[in-house]
Amino acid sequence: MVWVKICGITNREDAHAAVDAGADALGFIFAESPRRVAPLVAREIIRSLPDGVEKVGVFMNEAAERISEIVGKAGLTGVQLHGDESLDFAAELAASFASSRPLFMIPVLPLRRIQEMAINGGVLVKLSRGIDTILIDSVAQGKTCGSGQTWDWGMGKLLLETFRDSVRVIAAGGLTPVNVAEAVRILHPWGVDVSSGVEREPGKKDHEKVRAFVKAAKSAQV
């Protein structure tokens, strides 16, 4: 069954609606975004959530020290790197937490970067350095936390086949309750991630859309 992350959580009501709908993870954005949330606000939301739900902080070109500070302050269990961070940076950050509290590390790779890595033959080598999960999006690195735009799933499928056995792939970018089942059918991802596709306005979720998205993703034929 597909793993589902609802991103851009800014309030307790939306967080609990997503958990009740069956989401496996919630995302809290700490980079520049209309969905940005303060660490202390995230902490209060996270304290009310079940232990089994991943609480993932989304960062963009942030210093490792600042990320570590927010992880501790907010009580995050995972980090998503949505800027120009290298895979080596992600691996080193994950390793820095290994002895105290394992961190679910999710580097974000635009489809363009996956293409470049595949051409250069570096995907498997780089991903073997302690990173076992990546998120593929349509957004160019360093632009914003999520484009809300779909990408060429057919092309993505061909590229993903080259390293699917070595890494868990999360698909994002323009997903909605209407198209997520098709994305799952084509890409066969380990997980899916959505934010704007289940909103009524930036930073506020449409609970009906959240329920519909989770249901469609988890019932999709892989």
N, C-alpha and C. Protein backbone atom coordinates (compact mmCIF):
# COMPACT_ATOMS: atom_id res chain seq x y z
N MET A 1 0.85 -1.20 0.00
CA MET A 1 0.00 0.00 0.00
C MET A 1 0.88 1.25 0.00
N VAL A 2 0.51 2.23 -0.79
CA VAL A 2 1.33 3.44 -0.96
C VAL A 2 1.37 4.29 0.31
N TRP A 3 2.56 4.75 0.65
CA TRP A 3 2.79 5.66 1.77
C TRP A 3 2.34 7.05 1.35
N VAL A 4 1.64 7.77 2.22
CA VAL A 4 1.08 9.07 1.86
C VAL A 4 1.53 10.15 2.85
N LYS A 5 2.04 11.24 2.30
CA LYS A 5 2.43 12.40 3.10
C LYS A 5 1.58 13.61 2.70
N ILE A 6 0.98 14.24 3.70
CA ILE A 6 0.23 15.49 3.47
C ILE A 6 1.12 16.62 3.96
N CYS A 7 1.54 17.49 3.05
CA CYS A 7 2.51 18.52 3.37
C CYS A 7 1.85 19.89 3.52
N GLY A 8 2.60 20.83 4.10
CA GLY A 8 2.10 22.19 4.27
C GLY A 8 1.12 22.33 5.41
N ILE A 9 1.28 21.52 6.44
CA ILE A 9 0.40 21.59 7.61
C ILE A 9 0.73 22.83 8.43
N THR A 10 -0.29 23.61 8.79
CA THR A 10 -0.08 24.84 9.56
C THR A 10 -0.91 24.90 10.82
N ASN A 11 -1.84 23.95 11.01
CA ASN A 11 -2.72 24.02 12.18
C ASN A 11 -3.13 22.62 12.63
N ARG A 12 -3.59 22.54 13.85
CA ARG A 12 -3.92 21.25 14.46
C ARG A 12 -5.11 20.59 13.78
N GLU A 13 -6.11 21.35 13.39
CA GLU A 13 -7.30 20.77 12.78
C GLU A 13 -6.95 20.03 11.49
N ASP A 14 -6.12 20.65 10.64
CA ASP A 14 -5.72 20.01 9.39
C ASP A 14 -4.85 18.78 9.66
N ALA A 15 -4.00 18.89 10.66
CA ALA A 15 -3.13 17.76 11.00
C ALA A 15 -3.95 16.54 11.39
N HIS A 16 -4.91 16.74 12.25
CA HIS A 16 -5.70 15.60 12.72
C HIS A 16 -6.64 15.08 11.64
N ALA A 17 -7.11 15.96 10.77
CA ALA A 17 -7.94 15.50 9.65
C ALA A 17 -7.12 14.59 8.74
N ALA A 18 -5.86 14.94 8.51
CA ALA A 18 -4.99 14.12 7.66
C ALA A 18 -4.69 12.77 8.31
N VAL A 19 -4.41 12.79 9.61
CA VAL A 19 -4.14 11.54 10.32
C VAL A 19 -5.38 10.65 10.33
N ASP A 20 -6.53 11.24 10.60
CA ASP A 20 -7.78 10.48 10.62
C ASP A 20 -8.09 9.87 9.25
N ALA A 21 -7.65 10.57 8.18
CA ALA A 21 -7.89 10.07 6.83
C ALA A 21 -6.97 8.91 6.48
N GLY A 22 -5.90 8.72 7.28
CA GLY A 22 -4.99 7.62 7.03
C GLY A 22 -3.62 8.01 6.52
N ALA A 23 -3.27 9.30 6.60
CA ALA A 23 -1.95 9.74 6.16
C ALA A 23 -0.86 9.10 7.02
N ASP A 24 0.25 8.77 6.40
CA ASP A 24 1.38 8.17 7.11
C ASP A 24 2.37 9.21 7.62
N ALA A 25 2.33 10.40 7.03
CA ALA A 25 3.28 11.45 7.40
C ALA A 25 2.67 12.82 7.15
N LEU A 26 3.11 13.79 7.94
CA LEU A 26 2.71 15.18 7.76
C LEU A 26 3.96 16.02 7.53
N GLY A 27 3.83 17.04 6.68
CA GLY A 27 4.97 17.90 6.39
C GLY A 27 4.77 19.29 6.94
N PHE A 28 5.83 19.83 7.55
CA PHE A 28 5.81 21.18 8.12
C PHE A 28 6.90 21.99 7.43
N ILE A 29 6.53 23.08 6.78
CA ILE A 29 7.46 23.84 5.96
C ILE A 29 8.12 24.94 6.78
N PHE A 30 9.45 24.93 6.79
CA PHE A 30 10.23 25.95 7.51
C PHE A 30 11.02 26.83 6.55
N ALA A 31 10.72 26.75 5.27
CA ALA A 31 11.35 27.59 4.25
C ALA A 31 10.34 28.67 3.83
N GLU A 32 10.78 29.59 3.00
CA GLU A 32 9.91 30.66 2.53
C GLU A 32 8.73 30.06 1.75
N SER A 33 7.53 30.32 2.21
CA SER A 33 6.34 29.72 1.61
C SER A 33 5.10 30.30 2.27
N PRO A 34 3.97 30.39 1.56
CA PRO A 34 2.73 30.78 2.22
C PRO A 34 2.26 29.76 3.24
N ARG A 35 2.91 28.59 3.25
CA ARG A 35 2.58 27.52 4.20
C ARG A 35 3.63 27.40 5.30
N ARG A 36 4.47 28.39 5.38
CA ARG A 36 5.54 28.35 6.39
C ARG A 36 4.95 28.37 7.80
N VAL A 37 5.58 27.60 8.70
CA VAL A 37 5.09 27.50 10.07
C VAL A 37 6.27 27.72 11.01
N ALA A 38 6.03 28.36 12.14
CA ALA A 38 7.08 28.58 13.13
C ALA A 38 7.38 27.28 13.87
N PRO A 39 8.63 27.05 14.26
CA PRO A 39 8.98 25.81 14.96
C PRO A 39 8.13 25.55 16.21
N LEU A 40 7.84 26.58 16.98
CA LEU A 40 7.06 26.37 18.20
C LEU A 40 5.60 26.03 17.90
N VAL A 41 5.08 26.58 16.82
CA VAL A 41 3.72 26.23 16.40
C VAL A 41 3.70 24.78 15.94
N ALA A 42 4.70 24.39 15.17
CA ALA A 42 4.79 23.00 14.73
C ALA A 42 4.91 22.07 15.93
N ARG A 43 5.67 22.47 16.93
CA ARG A 43 5.84 21.63 18.11
C ARG A 43 4.52 21.35 18.81
N GLU A 44 3.68 22.38 18.94
CA GLU A 44 2.40 22.19 19.60
C GLU A 44 1.50 21.25 18.81
N ILE A 45 1.55 21.35 17.49
CA ILE A 45 0.76 20.43 16.65
C ILE A 45 1.31 19.01 16.78
N ILE A 46 2.61 18.87 16.69
CA ILE A 46 3.26 17.56 16.71
C ILE A 46 3.02 16.84 18.03
N ARG A 47 3.01 17.58 19.12
CA ARG A 47 2.79 16.96 20.43
C ARG A 47 1.42 16.29 20.53
N SER A 48 0.49 16.70 19.69
CA SER A 48 -0.87 16.14 19.74
C SER A 48 -1.06 14.97 18.79
N LEU A 49 0.00 14.60 18.06
CA LEU A 49 -0.12 13.56 17.02
C LEU A 49 0.33 12.19 17.51
N PRO A 50 -0.18 11.14 16.91
CA PRO A 50 0.24 9.77 17.28
C PRO A 50 1.71 9.54 16.97
N ASP A 51 2.34 8.66 17.71
CA ASP A 51 3.76 8.36 17.52
C ASP A 51 4.04 7.75 16.16
N GLY A 52 3.11 6.98 15.64
CA GLY A 52 3.37 6.27 14.39
C GLY A 52 3.37 7.12 13.14
N VAL A 53 2.99 8.39 13.25
CA VAL A 53 2.96 9.29 12.09
C VAL A 53 4.28 10.03 11.99
N GLU A 54 4.89 10.01 10.80
CA GLU A 54 6.13 10.76 10.59
C GLU A 54 5.83 12.26 10.57
N LYS A 55 6.69 13.02 11.26
CA LYS A 55 6.56 14.48 11.28
C LYS A 55 7.79 15.05 10.57
N VAL A 56 7.60 15.48 9.33
CA VAL A 56 8.72 15.82 8.45
C VAL A 56 8.84 17.33 8.28
N GLY A 57 10.01 17.86 8.57
CA GLY A 57 10.28 19.28 8.34
C GLY A 57 10.82 19.49 6.95
N VAL A 58 10.31 20.50 6.26
CA VAL A 58 10.75 20.80 4.89
C VAL A 58 11.65 22.04 4.94
N PHE A 59 12.87 21.90 4.44
CA PHE A 59 13.86 22.97 4.47
C PHE A 59 14.40 23.24 3.07
N MET A 60 14.91 24.45 2.87
CA MET A 60 15.48 24.79 1.57
C MET A 60 16.75 25.61 1.78
N ASN A 61 17.89 25.02 1.44
CA ASN A 61 19.18 25.70 1.53
C ASN A 61 19.45 26.26 2.92
N GLU A 62 19.10 25.50 3.93
CA GLU A 62 19.30 25.90 5.32
C GLU A 62 20.58 25.26 5.85
N ALA A 63 21.24 25.95 6.79
CA ALA A 63 22.46 25.41 7.40
C ALA A 63 22.13 24.18 8.23
N ALA A 64 23.06 23.23 8.27
CA ALA A 64 22.84 21.99 9.01
C ALA A 64 22.56 22.28 10.48
N GLU A 65 23.24 23.26 11.04
CA GLU A 65 23.05 23.60 12.45
C GLU A 65 21.63 24.08 12.71
N ARG A 66 21.10 24.89 11.81
CA ARG A 66 19.74 25.41 11.96
C ARG A 66 18.71 24.29 11.80
N ILE A 67 18.94 23.40 10.85
CA ILE A 67 18.05 22.26 10.68
C ILE A 67 18.02 21.42 11.96
N SER A 68 19.19 21.14 12.50
CA SER A 68 19.27 20.34 13.73
C SER A 68 18.54 21.02 14.88
N GLU A 69 18.68 22.34 14.96
CA GLU A 69 18.00 23.08 16.03
C GLU A 69 16.49 22.95 15.91
N ILE A 70 15.97 23.09 14.70
CA ILE A 70 14.51 23.03 14.50
C ILE A 70 14.00 21.60 14.70
N VAL A 71 14.78 20.61 14.27
CA VAL A 71 14.39 19.22 14.49
C VAL A 71 14.14 18.97 15.97
N GLY A 72 15.06 19.45 16.81
CA GLY A 72 14.91 19.26 18.24
C GLY A 72 13.80 20.09 18.85
N LYS A 73 13.70 21.33 18.40
CA LYS A 73 12.71 22.24 18.98
C LYS A 73 11.28 21.81 18.63
N ALA A 74 11.07 21.39 17.40
CA ALA A 74 9.72 21.03 16.95
C ALA A 74 9.36 19.57 17.23
N GLY A 75 10.37 18.72 17.44
CA GLY A 75 10.09 17.30 17.65
C GLY A 75 9.88 16.55 16.35
N LEU A 76 10.62 16.93 15.31
CA LEU A 76 10.49 16.29 14.01
C LEU A 76 11.09 14.89 14.01
N THR A 77 10.55 14.04 13.17
CA THR A 77 11.12 12.70 12.99
C THR A 77 11.75 12.55 11.62
N GLY A 78 11.60 13.56 10.76
CA GLY A 78 12.16 13.48 9.42
C GLY A 78 12.49 14.85 8.87
N VAL A 79 13.33 14.87 7.84
CA VAL A 79 13.75 16.10 7.18
C VAL A 79 13.65 15.91 5.67
N GLN A 80 13.05 16.90 5.00
CA GLN A 80 12.95 16.91 3.54
C GLN A 80 13.74 18.12 3.04
N LEU A 81 14.71 17.89 2.19
CA LEU A 81 15.59 18.94 1.69
C LEU A 81 15.15 19.35 0.30
N HIS A 82 14.59 20.55 0.17
CA HIS A 82 13.94 20.96 -1.08
C HIS A 82 14.70 22.06 -1.81
N GLY A 83 15.99 22.25 -1.46
CA GLY A 83 16.75 23.28 -2.13
C GLY A 83 17.83 22.70 -3.02
N ASP A 84 19.01 23.31 -2.95
CA ASP A 84 20.13 22.87 -3.77
C ASP A 84 21.07 21.92 -3.02
N GLU A 85 20.59 21.37 -1.91
CA GLU A 85 21.44 20.51 -1.09
C GLU A 85 21.89 19.27 -1.87
N SER A 86 23.14 18.89 -1.67
CA SER A 86 23.66 17.69 -2.33
C SER A 86 23.22 16.44 -1.57
N LEU A 87 23.33 15.30 -2.24
CA LEU A 87 23.03 14.04 -1.57
C LEU A 87 24.04 13.76 -0.46
N ASP A 88 25.27 14.23 -0.63
CA ASP A 88 26.27 14.07 0.42
C ASP A 88 25.87 14.86 1.66
N PHE A 89 25.35 16.08 1.46
CA PHE A 89 24.88 16.89 2.60
C PHE A 89 23.77 16.15 3.33
N ALA A 90 22.82 15.57 2.57
CA ALA A 90 21.71 14.83 3.18
C ALA A 90 22.23 13.64 3.97
N ALA A 91 23.18 12.91 3.41
CA ALA A 91 23.72 11.73 4.09
C ALA A 91 24.46 12.12 5.36
N GLU A 92 25.23 13.20 5.31
CA GLU A 92 25.98 13.65 6.48
C GLU A 92 25.02 14.14 7.57
N LEU A 93 23.96 14.82 7.19
CA LEU A 93 22.98 15.29 8.16
C LEU A 93 22.29 14.11 8.84
N ALA A 94 21.90 13.12 8.05
CA ALA A 94 21.27 11.93 8.62
C ALA A 94 22.22 11.21 9.57
N ALA A 95 23.47 11.12 9.18
CA ALA A 95 24.46 10.44 10.02
C ALA A 95 24.68 11.16 11.35
N SER A 96 24.54 12.48 11.33
CA SER A 96 24.76 13.25 12.56
C SER A 96 23.70 12.95 13.62
N PHE A 97 22.55 12.44 13.20
CA PHE A 97 21.48 12.10 14.14
C PHE A 97 21.47 10.62 14.50
N ALA A 98 22.25 9.82 13.80
CA ALA A 98 22.14 8.36 13.90
C ALA A 98 22.29 7.84 15.32
N SER A 99 23.21 8.41 16.10
CA SER A 99 23.47 7.88 17.43
C SER A 99 22.44 8.28 18.46
N SER A 100 21.72 9.39 18.21
CA SER A 100 20.76 9.87 19.20
C SER A 100 19.31 9.57 18.83
N ARG A 101 18.92 9.92 17.61
CA ARG A 101 17.55 9.68 17.15
C ARG A 101 17.57 9.56 15.63
N PRO A 102 17.33 8.38 15.10
CA PRO A 102 17.33 8.19 13.64
C PRO A 102 16.39 9.18 12.96
N LEU A 103 16.82 9.72 11.85
CA LEU A 103 16.05 10.74 11.14
C LEU A 103 15.66 10.23 9.76
N PHE A 104 14.39 10.34 9.42
CA PHE A 104 13.90 9.96 8.10
C PHE A 104 14.32 11.07 7.14
N MET A 105 15.31 10.79 6.29
CA MET A 105 15.87 11.82 5.41
C MET A 105 15.32 11.70 4.00
N ILE A 106 14.79 12.81 3.46
CA ILE A 106 14.18 12.80 2.13
C ILE A 106 14.76 13.93 1.28
N PRO A 107 15.82 13.65 0.51
CA PRO A 107 16.29 14.66 -0.45
C PRO A 107 15.28 14.78 -1.59
N VAL A 108 15.08 15.99 -2.10
CA VAL A 108 14.17 16.21 -3.22
C VAL A 108 14.98 16.38 -4.49
N LEU A 109 14.65 15.59 -5.51
CA LEU A 109 15.35 15.67 -6.79
C LEU A 109 14.35 15.99 -7.90
N PRO A 110 14.52 17.15 -8.58
CA PRO A 110 13.67 17.42 -9.74
C PRO A 110 13.93 16.39 -10.83
N LEU A 111 12.97 16.15 -11.66
CA LEU A 111 13.13 15.18 -12.75
C LEU A 111 14.36 15.52 -13.59
N ARG A 112 14.60 16.82 -13.80
CA ARG A 112 15.76 17.24 -14.58
C ARG A 112 17.06 16.72 -13.98
N ARG A 113 17.17 16.77 -12.67
CA ARG A 113 18.41 16.32 -12.01
C ARG A 113 18.54 14.80 -12.09
N ILE A 114 17.42 14.09 -12.00
CA ILE A 114 17.45 12.64 -12.15
C ILE A 114 17.97 12.28 -13.54
N GLN A 115 17.51 13.02 -14.56
CA GLN A 115 17.98 12.77 -15.92
C GLN A 115 19.49 12.97 -16.02
N GLU A 116 19.99 14.06 -15.43
CA GLU A 116 21.42 14.34 -15.49
C GLU A 116 22.23 13.26 -14.79
N MET A 117 21.74 12.81 -13.64
CA MET A 117 22.46 11.78 -12.88
C MET A 117 22.47 10.46 -13.63
N ALA A 118 21.35 10.14 -14.28
CA ALA A 118 21.26 8.89 -15.03
C ALA A 118 22.22 8.91 -16.21
N ILE A 119 22.30 10.06 -16.90
CA ILE A 119 23.19 10.19 -18.04
C ILE A 119 24.64 10.02 -17.61
N ASN A 120 24.96 10.59 -16.44
CA ASN A 120 26.34 10.52 -15.93
C ASN A 120 26.64 9.22 -15.18
N GLY A 121 25.63 8.37 -15.03
CA GLY A 121 25.83 7.08 -14.37
C GLY A 121 26.10 7.19 -12.88
N GLY A 122 25.65 8.28 -12.27
CA GLY A 122 25.98 8.49 -10.87
C GLY A 122 24.87 8.23 -9.88
N VAL A 123 23.71 7.82 -10.33
CA VAL A 123 22.57 7.67 -9.42
C VAL A 123 22.84 6.61 -8.36
N LEU A 124 23.19 5.42 -8.78
CA LEU A 124 23.37 4.33 -7.82
C LEU A 124 24.53 4.60 -6.86
N VAL A 125 25.60 5.17 -7.37
CA VAL A 125 26.76 5.45 -6.53
C VAL A 125 26.41 6.45 -5.44
N LYS A 126 25.77 7.55 -5.83
CA LYS A 126 25.46 8.60 -4.86
C LYS A 126 24.40 8.15 -3.87
N LEU A 127 23.41 7.40 -4.33
CA LEU A 127 22.34 6.99 -3.44
C LEU A 127 22.80 5.90 -2.47
N SER A 128 23.92 5.28 -2.76
CA SER A 128 24.40 4.24 -1.86
C SER A 128 25.09 4.81 -0.62
N ARG A 129 25.24 6.13 -0.56
CA ARG A 129 25.94 6.77 0.54
C ARG A 129 24.99 7.10 1.70
N GLY A 130 24.12 6.15 2.06
CA GLY A 130 23.29 6.31 3.23
C GLY A 130 21.91 6.90 2.97
N ILE A 131 21.56 7.17 1.73
CA ILE A 131 20.24 7.71 1.41
C ILE A 131 19.41 6.60 0.77
N ASP A 132 18.28 6.26 1.39
CA ASP A 132 17.45 5.18 0.83
C ASP A 132 16.08 5.65 0.37
N THR A 133 15.83 6.96 0.47
CA THR A 133 14.53 7.51 0.04
C THR A 133 14.77 8.84 -0.67
N ILE A 134 14.11 9.05 -1.80
CA ILE A 134 14.17 10.34 -2.48
C ILE A 134 12.76 10.76 -2.87
N LEU A 135 12.56 12.05 -3.04
CA LEU A 135 11.29 12.58 -3.52
C LEU A 135 11.55 13.23 -4.87
N ILE A 136 10.76 12.88 -5.86
CA ILE A 136 10.91 13.45 -7.21
C ILE A 136 9.78 14.43 -7.47
N ASP A 137 10.14 15.63 -7.86
CA ASP A 137 9.17 16.71 -8.08
C ASP A 137 9.50 17.37 -9.41
N SER A 138 8.60 18.24 -9.84
CA SER A 138 8.81 18.95 -11.10
C SER A 138 9.58 20.24 -10.90
N VAL A 139 9.69 20.71 -9.66
CA VAL A 139 10.26 22.03 -9.40
C VAL A 139 11.77 22.03 -9.60
N ALA A 140 12.29 23.15 -10.12
CA ALA A 140 13.73 23.32 -10.23
C ALA A 140 14.29 23.60 -8.85
N GLN A 141 15.43 23.02 -8.54
CA GLN A 141 16.02 23.17 -7.22
C GLN A 141 16.22 24.65 -6.89
N GLY A 142 15.96 24.99 -5.64
CA GLY A 142 16.22 26.33 -5.17
C GLY A 142 15.16 27.35 -5.50
N LYS A 143 14.08 26.94 -6.16
CA LYS A 143 13.05 27.91 -6.56
C LYS A 143 12.01 28.10 -5.48
N THR A 144 11.37 27.03 -5.08
CA THR A 144 10.31 27.12 -4.07
C THR A 144 10.04 25.75 -3.50
N CYS A 145 9.30 25.69 -2.42
CA CYS A 145 8.98 24.39 -1.81
C CYS A 145 7.75 23.80 -2.48
N GLY A 146 7.93 23.23 -3.63
CA GLY A 146 6.83 22.58 -4.33
C GLY A 146 6.25 23.47 -5.41
N SER A 147 6.14 22.92 -6.60
CA SER A 147 5.65 23.70 -7.74
C SER A 147 4.16 23.59 -7.92
N GLY A 148 3.57 22.47 -7.46
CA GLY A 148 2.16 22.24 -7.73
C GLY A 148 1.89 21.89 -9.18
N GLN A 149 2.94 21.57 -9.93
CA GLN A 149 2.82 21.24 -11.35
C GLN A 149 3.20 19.79 -11.60
N THR A 150 2.46 19.15 -12.48
CA THR A 150 2.78 17.76 -12.81
C THR A 150 4.00 17.70 -13.72
N TRP A 151 4.54 16.50 -13.89
CA TRP A 151 5.67 16.30 -14.77
C TRP A 151 5.43 15.06 -15.60
N ASP A 152 6.36 14.75 -16.49
CA ASP A 152 6.19 13.66 -17.44
C ASP A 152 6.37 12.32 -16.72
N TRP A 153 5.25 11.73 -16.28
CA TRP A 153 5.33 10.48 -15.54
C TRP A 153 5.86 9.34 -16.40
N GLY A 154 5.56 9.38 -17.70
CA GLY A 154 6.06 8.32 -18.58
C GLY A 154 7.58 8.33 -18.64
N MET A 155 8.17 9.51 -18.80
CA MET A 155 9.62 9.63 -18.82
C MET A 155 10.19 9.26 -17.44
N GLY A 156 9.50 9.72 -16.40
CA GLY A 156 9.94 9.42 -15.05
C GLY A 156 9.97 7.93 -14.79
N LYS A 157 9.00 7.21 -15.29
CA LYS A 157 8.94 5.76 -15.09
C LYS A 157 10.18 5.08 -15.65
N LEU A 158 10.59 5.49 -16.85
CA LEU A 158 11.76 4.88 -17.48
C LEU A 158 13.02 5.15 -16.67
N LEU A 159 13.14 6.39 -16.14
CA LEU A 159 14.31 6.73 -15.35
C LEU A 159 14.32 6.00 -14.01
N LEU A 160 13.14 5.90 -13.40
CA LEU A 160 13.06 5.26 -12.09
C LEU A 160 13.43 3.78 -12.14
N GLU A 161 13.19 3.15 -13.28
CA GLU A 161 13.51 1.73 -13.40
C GLU A 161 15.00 1.47 -13.23
N THR A 162 15.83 2.50 -13.45
CA THR A 162 17.28 2.30 -13.38
C THR A 162 17.79 2.17 -11.95
N PHE A 163 17.00 2.63 -10.97
CA PHE A 163 17.48 2.54 -9.59
C PHE A 163 16.39 2.25 -8.58
N ARG A 164 15.24 1.78 -9.07
CA ARG A 164 14.12 1.51 -8.17
C ARG A 164 14.48 0.51 -7.07
N ASP A 165 15.29 -0.49 -7.39
CA ASP A 165 15.61 -1.53 -6.41
C ASP A 165 16.52 -1.04 -5.29
N SER A 166 17.16 0.13 -5.47
CA SER A 166 18.11 0.60 -4.47
C SER A 166 17.59 1.76 -3.63
N VAL A 167 16.40 2.27 -3.94
CA VAL A 167 15.91 3.45 -3.23
C VAL A 167 14.38 3.48 -3.24
N ARG A 168 13.80 4.04 -2.20
CA ARG A 168 12.36 4.24 -2.15
C ARG A 168 12.04 5.59 -2.79
N VAL A 169 11.08 5.60 -3.71
CA VAL A 169 10.75 6.81 -4.45
C VAL A 169 9.41 7.37 -4.01
N ILE A 170 9.40 8.66 -3.67
CA ILE A 170 8.17 9.38 -3.36
C ILE A 170 7.89 10.32 -4.52
N ALA A 171 6.69 10.27 -5.06
CA ALA A 171 6.32 11.14 -6.18
C ALA A 171 5.53 12.35 -5.67
N ALA A 172 5.84 13.52 -6.21
CA ALA A 172 5.14 14.75 -5.85
C ALA A 172 5.04 15.63 -7.08
N GLY A 173 4.28 16.70 -6.95
CA GLY A 173 4.18 17.66 -8.06
C GLY A 173 2.84 17.57 -8.77
N GLY A 174 1.93 18.46 -8.42
CA GLY A 174 0.65 18.54 -9.12
C GLY A 174 -0.31 17.40 -8.84
N LEU A 175 -0.07 16.64 -7.79
CA LEU A 175 -0.97 15.52 -7.48
C LEU A 175 -2.26 16.04 -6.84
N THR A 176 -3.36 15.37 -7.16
CA THR A 176 -4.68 15.72 -6.64
C THR A 176 -5.45 14.43 -6.37
N PRO A 177 -6.61 14.53 -5.73
CA PRO A 177 -7.43 13.32 -5.56
C PRO A 177 -7.83 12.70 -6.90
N VAL A 178 -7.87 13.52 -7.95
CA VAL A 178 -8.32 13.04 -9.26
C VAL A 178 -7.23 12.27 -10.00
N ASN A 179 -5.96 12.72 -9.88
CA ASN A 179 -4.91 12.10 -10.70
C ASN A 179 -3.93 11.22 -9.95
N VAL A 180 -4.02 11.16 -8.62
CA VAL A 180 -3.01 10.41 -7.87
C VAL A 180 -3.03 8.92 -8.19
N ALA A 181 -4.21 8.35 -8.43
CA ALA A 181 -4.27 6.93 -8.75
C ALA A 181 -3.54 6.63 -10.06
N GLU A 182 -3.68 7.54 -11.03
CA GLU A 182 -2.97 7.35 -12.31
C GLU A 182 -1.46 7.45 -12.11
N ALA A 183 -1.03 8.41 -11.28
CA ALA A 183 0.40 8.54 -11.00
C ALA A 183 0.95 7.27 -10.36
N VAL A 184 0.22 6.71 -9.43
CA VAL A 184 0.64 5.48 -8.77
C VAL A 184 0.70 4.33 -9.77
N ARG A 185 -0.30 4.25 -10.65
CA ARG A 185 -0.35 3.18 -11.63
C ARG A 185 0.83 3.24 -12.60
N ILE A 186 1.22 4.46 -12.98
CA ILE A 186 2.31 4.61 -13.95
C ILE A 186 3.68 4.49 -13.30
N LEU A 187 3.86 5.17 -12.16
CA LEU A 187 5.18 5.28 -11.55
C LEU A 187 5.52 4.16 -10.57
N HIS A 188 4.50 3.52 -10.01
CA HIS A 188 4.72 2.53 -8.96
C HIS A 188 5.62 3.07 -7.85
N PRO A 189 5.31 4.25 -7.30
CA PRO A 189 6.17 4.82 -6.27
C PRO A 189 5.97 4.14 -4.93
N TRP A 190 6.97 4.27 -4.07
CA TRP A 190 6.81 3.81 -2.69
C TRP A 190 5.84 4.72 -1.95
N GLY A 191 5.87 6.02 -2.28
CA GLY A 191 4.98 6.97 -1.60
C GLY A 191 4.60 8.13 -2.49
N VAL A 192 3.64 8.92 -2.03
CA VAL A 192 3.22 10.14 -2.72
C VAL A 192 3.14 11.28 -1.71
N ASP A 193 3.30 12.50 -2.21
CA ASP A 193 3.34 13.68 -1.35
C ASP A 193 2.46 14.76 -2.00
N VAL A 194 1.63 15.41 -1.20
CA VAL A 194 0.73 16.44 -1.74
C VAL A 194 0.61 17.59 -0.76
N SER A 195 0.41 18.79 -1.30
CA SER A 195 0.13 19.96 -0.47
C SER A 195 -0.99 20.78 -1.11
N SER A 196 -0.68 21.52 -2.18
CA SER A 196 -1.68 22.40 -2.78
C SER A 196 -2.85 21.64 -3.37
N GLY A 197 -2.64 20.39 -3.76
CA GLY A 197 -3.70 19.61 -4.37
C GLY A 197 -4.83 19.24 -3.44
N VAL A 198 -4.65 19.46 -2.14
CA VAL A 198 -5.73 19.17 -1.17
C VAL A 198 -6.04 20.39 -0.31
N GLU A 199 -5.81 21.58 -0.88
CA GLU A 199 -6.06 22.82 -0.14
C GLU A 199 -7.32 23.53 -0.62
N ARG A 200 -7.91 24.33 0.29
CA ARG A 200 -8.96 25.27 -0.11
C ARG A 200 -8.37 26.66 -0.29
N GLU A 201 -7.22 26.90 0.34
CA GLU A 201 -6.42 28.11 0.14
C GLU A 201 -5.04 27.79 0.69
N PRO A 202 -3.99 28.54 0.30
CA PRO A 202 -2.64 28.22 0.78
C PRO A 202 -2.57 28.16 2.30
N GLY A 203 -2.12 27.02 2.79
CA GLY A 203 -1.98 26.84 4.23
C GLY A 203 -3.20 26.29 4.94
N LYS A 204 -4.31 26.12 4.22
CA LYS A 204 -5.54 25.59 4.81
C LYS A 204 -6.01 24.41 3.98
N LYS A 205 -6.17 23.26 4.61
CA LYS A 205 -6.55 22.06 3.87
C LYS A 205 -8.06 21.94 3.71
N ASP A 206 -8.45 21.33 2.62
CA ASP A 206 -9.83 20.94 2.38
C ASP A 206 -9.94 19.49 2.86
N HIS A 207 -10.60 19.28 3.97
CA HIS A 207 -10.60 17.95 4.60
C HIS A 207 -11.23 16.88 3.71
N GLU A 208 -12.21 17.26 2.94
CA GLU A 208 -12.82 16.29 2.01
C GLU A 208 -11.81 15.86 0.95
N LYS A 209 -11.04 16.82 0.44
CA LYS A 209 -10.02 16.49 -0.56
C LYS A 209 -8.92 15.63 0.06
N VAL A 210 -8.56 15.92 1.30
CA VAL A 210 -7.55 15.10 1.98
C VAL A 210 -8.01 13.65 2.07
N ARG A 211 -9.24 13.45 2.50
CA ARG A 211 -9.77 12.08 2.61
C ARG A 211 -9.82 11.41 1.25
N ALA A 212 -10.25 12.15 0.23
CA ALA A 212 -10.34 11.58 -1.11
C ALA A 212 -8.95 11.23 -1.65
N PHE A 213 -7.97 12.07 -1.37
CA PHE A 213 -6.60 11.82 -1.86
C PHE A 213 -6.03 10.56 -1.23
N VAL A 214 -6.12 10.47 0.09
CA VAL A 214 -5.56 9.31 0.78
C VAL A 214 -6.24 8.03 0.30
N LYS A 215 -7.55 8.07 0.18
CA LYS A 215 -8.29 6.89 -0.28
C LYS A 215 -7.88 6.49 -1.68
N ALA A 216 -7.78 7.47 -2.59
CA ALA A 216 -7.42 7.18 -3.97
C ALA A 216 -6.00 6.63 -4.07
N ALA A 217 -5.07 7.20 -3.30
CA ALA A 217 -3.68 6.76 -3.35
C ALA A 217 -3.54 5.34 -2.82
N LYS A 218 -4.16 5.06 -1.70
CA LYS A 218 -3.99 3.76 -1.05
C LYS A 218 -4.77 2.64 -1.73
N SER A 219 -5.79 3.01 -2.48
CA SER A 219 -6.57 1.97 -3.18
C SER A 219 -6.15 1.80 -4.63
N ALA A 220 -5.16 2.61 -5.07
CA ALA A 220 -4.72 2.54 -6.48
C ALA A 220 -4.06 1.20 -6.76
N GLN A 221 -4.24 0.73 -7.99
CA GLN A 221 -3.63 -0.52 -8.42
C GLN A 221 -2.19 -0.26 -8.83
N VAL A 222 -1.23 -0.83 -8.10
CA VAL A 222 0.18 -0.63 -8.41
C VAL A 222 0.64 -1.61 -9.49
